[in-house]
Structures are given as structure tokens and as C-alpha cells.
Amino acid sequence: MIPPDGIISEVYHAQKWRKDVDRHLLSPMYDAGDRHYFIDELARLKNGNLIIPVRWLEDNDGDVFADAYAVTFDNQVRGFPCNQYMLTNYSVLPMLLTTIQF
């Protein structure tokens, strides 16, 4: 849990939960009632931005937050030969997210 003042008194706990513990051993999903959001899967925010959540966090009021990667785009369309494709979304995202230090 994140304290209301944002101060974590036990630094080793913050380090453990946000850096040391394999995030795949933590909660993989956030239940928003009518929707379920999963780590390593694309999600769209109300403002239209896209993110990839990697870890769920909860504050003392029960509000849930995510450590997440922001997805960005540019306007340049590029051609990529289909015979060069290797992995689908379901394979590439977990692999990619395990190689990046968050």
C-alpha cells in the first residue's frame, strides 16, 4: 500500500515489492467491475492514451494504480515484410516486458 503522504517508512518493503519480487507472482489482474485489466496487455485510458500495465498498486484509501509503460506512436508508416514476422501480441509483450527494467 502507498501511504496517503506518499512516504514509505520501510524502504526495503518498497524496493522488495516494486523491484525485487517477480511481478508475475503478484496480482496479474485488476477487476474494474465490468472490465478486467491484465499486466502485459494493452489498455486505453479515458484520455485516449495507451499503456501497458506491469504492476498493480493500492493506496490506503483502496484506490488502485498501475506501474505502466506509456505507448507512443509517430506518424510514419513503414513497410515490414510478413515473412519477417515472428511473434504475435500474446507472445511478444510478455517477452519484451521481462527484458526491460522497470
C-alpha atoms as a PDB file:
ATOM      1  CA  MET A   1       0.000   0.000   0.000  1.00  0.00           C
ATOM      2  CA  ILE A   2       1.060   3.550  -0.690  1.00  0.00           C
ATOM      3  CA  PRO A   3       0.594   5.798   2.400  1.00  0.00           C
ATOM      4  CA  PRO A   4      -1.508   8.982   1.907  1.00  0.00           C
ATOM      5  CA  ASP A   5       1.533  11.198   2.385  1.00  0.00           C
ATOM      6  CA  GLY A   6       3.463   9.148  -0.178  1.00  0.00           C
ATOM      7  CA  ILE A   7       6.204   8.442   2.357  1.00  0.00           C
ATOM      8  CA  ILE A   8       7.242   4.820   2.651  1.00  0.00           C
ATOM      9  CA  SER A   9       8.804   4.350   6.063  1.00  0.00           C
ATOM     10  CA  GLU A  10      10.269   0.947   5.360  1.00  0.00           C
ATOM     11  CA  VAL A  11      12.392   1.446   2.275  1.00  0.00           C
ATOM     12  CA  TYR A  12      13.227  -2.228   1.930  1.00  0.00           C
ATOM     13  CA  HIS A  13       9.497  -3.034   1.593  1.00  0.00           C
ATOM     14  CA  ALA A  14       9.082  -0.612  -1.309  1.00  0.00           C
ATOM     15  CA  GLN A  15      12.182  -1.984  -3.005  1.00  0.00           C
ATOM     16  CA  LYS A  16      11.016  -5.550  -2.469  1.00  0.00           C
ATOM     17  CA  TRP A  17       7.507  -5.127  -3.886  1.00  0.00           C
ATOM     18  CA  ARG A  18       8.335  -2.772  -6.747  1.00  0.00           C
ATOM     19  CA  LYS A  19      11.698  -4.131  -7.873  1.00  0.00           C
ATOM     20  CA  ASP A  20      12.702  -7.461  -6.346  1.00  0.00           C
ATOM     21  CA  VAL A  21       9.542  -9.590  -6.364  1.00  0.00           C
ATOM     22  CA  ASP A  22       8.749 -11.075  -9.767  1.00  0.00           C
ATOM     23  CA  ARG A  23       5.673  -9.104 -10.825  1.00  0.00           C
ATOM     24  CA  HIS A  24       4.191 -12.245 -12.367  1.00  0.00           C
ATOM     25  CA  LEU A  25       3.904 -13.642  -8.830  1.00  0.00           C
ATOM     26  CA  LEU A  26       1.841 -10.617  -7.777  1.00  0.00           C
ATOM     27  CA  SER A  27      -1.739  -9.899  -8.829  1.00  0.00           C
ATOM     28  CA  PRO A  28      -1.960 -10.242 -12.623  1.00  0.00           C
ATOM     29  CA  MET A  29      -5.346  -8.527 -12.956  1.00  0.00           C
ATOM     30  CA  TYR A  30      -7.321  -5.501 -11.812  1.00  0.00           C
ATOM     31  CA  ASP A  31     -11.111  -6.000 -11.661  1.00  0.00           C
ATOM     32  CA  ALA A  32     -12.848  -2.717 -12.536  1.00  0.00           C
ATOM     33  CA  GLY A  33     -16.293  -4.276 -12.202  1.00  0.00           C
ATOM     34  CA  ASP A  34     -17.397  -4.500 -15.822  1.00  0.00           C
ATOM     35  CA  ARG A  35     -13.840  -4.811 -17.171  1.00  0.00           C
ATOM     36  CA  HIS A  36     -10.709  -6.736 -16.289  1.00  0.00           C
ATOM     37  CA  TYR A  37      -7.243  -5.303 -16.919  1.00  0.00           C
ATOM     38  CA  PHE A  38      -4.171  -7.518 -17.021  1.00  0.00           C
ATOM     39  CA  ILE A  39      -0.458  -6.848 -16.701  1.00  0.00           C
ATOM     40  CA  ASP A  40       1.440  -7.104 -20.001  1.00  0.00           C
ATOM     41  CA  GLU A  41      -1.716  -6.270 -22.009  1.00  0.00           C
ATOM     42  CA  LEU A  42      -2.613  -3.057 -23.775  1.00  0.00           C
ATOM     43  CA  ALA A  43      -5.107  -0.784 -22.002  1.00  0.00           C
ATOM     44  CA  ARG A  44      -6.651   2.510 -23.038  1.00  0.00           C
ATOM     45  CA  LEU A  45      -7.033   5.385 -20.577  1.00  0.00           C
ATOM     46  CA  LYS A  46     -10.056   7.707 -20.502  1.00  0.00           C
ATOM     47  CA  ASN A  47      -7.925  10.423 -22.124  1.00  0.00           C
ATOM     48  CA  GLY A  48      -7.243   8.103 -25.083  1.00  0.00           C
ATOM     49  CA  ASN A  49      -3.632   7.288 -24.207  1.00  0.00           C
ATOM     50  CA  LEU A  50      -2.499   3.676 -24.393  1.00  0.00           C
ATOM     51  CA  ILE A  51      -0.493   1.982 -21.658  1.00  0.00           C
ATOM     52  CA  ILE A  52       0.810  -1.470 -20.778  1.00  0.00           C
ATOM     53  CA  PRO A  53       0.378  -2.076 -17.033  1.00  0.00           C
ATOM     54  CA  VAL A  54       3.154  -4.080 -15.395  1.00  0.00           C
ATOM     55  CA  ARG A  55       2.215  -3.980 -11.686  1.00  0.00           C
ATOM     56  CA  TRP A  56      -0.844  -3.000  -9.602  1.00  0.00           C
ATOM     57  CA  LEU A  57      -0.509  -0.770  -6.517  1.00  0.00           C
ATOM     58  CA  GLU A  58      -3.088   0.180  -3.906  1.00  0.00           C
ATOM     59  CA  ASP A  59      -3.082   3.191  -1.596  1.00  0.00           C
ATOM     60  CA  ASN A  60      -4.542   3.343   1.928  1.00  0.00           C
ATOM     61  CA  ASP A  61      -7.889   4.549   0.530  1.00  0.00           C
ATOM     62  CA  GLY A  62      -8.192   1.473  -1.661  1.00  0.00           C
ATOM     63  CA  ASP A  63      -7.539   3.336  -4.919  1.00  0.00           C
ATOM     64  CA  VAL A  64      -5.646   1.177  -7.396  1.00  0.00           C
ATOM     65  CA  PHE A  65      -2.813   2.469  -9.576  1.00  0.00           C
ATOM     66  CA  ALA A  66      -0.535   0.778 -12.086  1.00  0.00           C
ATOM     67  CA  ASP A  67       3.140   0.999 -12.846  1.00  0.00           C
ATOM     68  CA  ALA A  68       2.865   1.043 -16.632  1.00  0.00           C
ATOM     69  CA  TYR A  69       4.655   1.747 -19.876  1.00  0.00           C
ATOM     70  CA  ALA A  70       3.180   4.540 -21.997  1.00  0.00           C
ATOM     71  CA  VAL A  71       2.658   3.542 -25.632  1.00  0.00           C
ATOM     72  CA  THR A  72       3.657   6.223 -28.121  1.00  0.00           C
ATOM     73  CA  PHE A  73       3.228   6.488 -31.874  1.00  0.00           C
ATOM     74  CA  ASP A  74       4.717   8.516 -34.663  1.00  0.00           C
ATOM     75  CA  ASN A  75       3.019   9.376 -37.958  1.00  0.00           C
ATOM     76  CA  GLN A  76       5.414   7.494 -40.219  1.00  0.00           C
ATOM     77  CA  VAL A  77       4.049   4.310 -41.752  1.00  0.00           C
ATOM     78  CA  ARG A  78       6.732   1.755 -42.564  1.00  0.00           C
ATOM     79  CA  GLY A  79       6.583  -1.442 -44.597  1.00  0.00           C
ATOM     80  CA  PHE A  80       7.634  -4.694 -42.963  1.00  0.00           C
ATOM     81  CA  PRO A  81       7.650  -7.955 -44.972  1.00  0.00           C
ATOM     82  CA  CYS A  82       5.288 -10.503 -43.464  1.00  0.00           C
ATOM     83  CA  ASN A  83       7.898 -13.252 -43.813  1.00  0.00           C
ATOM     84  CA  GLN A  84       9.862 -11.357 -41.129  1.00  0.00           C
ATOM     85  CA  TYR A  85       7.079 -11.546 -38.544  1.00  0.00           C
ATOM     86  CA  MET A  86       7.974 -13.841 -35.659  1.00  0.00           C
ATOM     87  CA  LEU A  87       5.640 -13.389 -32.669  1.00  0.00           C
ATOM     88  CA  THR A  88       2.091 -12.254 -32.034  1.00  0.00           C
ATOM     89  CA  ASN A  89       0.975  -9.797 -29.367  1.00  0.00           C
ATOM     90  CA  TYR A  90       0.383 -12.620 -26.890  1.00  0.00           C
ATOM     91  CA  SER A  91       3.970 -13.796 -27.234  1.00  0.00           C
ATOM     92  CA  VAL A  92       5.949 -10.611 -27.753  1.00  0.00           C
ATOM     93  CA  LEU A  93       4.606  -8.434 -24.920  1.00  0.00           C
ATOM     94  CA  PRO A  94       5.485 -10.768 -22.031  1.00  0.00           C
ATOM     95  CA  MET A  95       8.910 -11.433 -23.575  1.00  0.00           C
ATOM     96  CA  LEU A  96       9.568  -7.733 -24.147  1.00  0.00           C
ATOM     97  CA  LEU A  97       8.387  -6.696 -20.697  1.00  0.00           C
ATOM     98  CA  THR A  98      10.616  -9.240 -18.963  1.00  0.00           C
ATOM     99  CA  THR A  99      13.705  -7.854 -20.711  1.00  0.00           C
ATOM    100  CA  ILE A 100      13.067  -4.180 -19.837  1.00  0.00           C
ATOM    101  CA  GLN A 101      13.970  -2.966 -16.354  1.00  0.00           C
ATOM    102  CA  PHE A 102      11.012  -1.059 -14.902  1.00  0.00           C
END
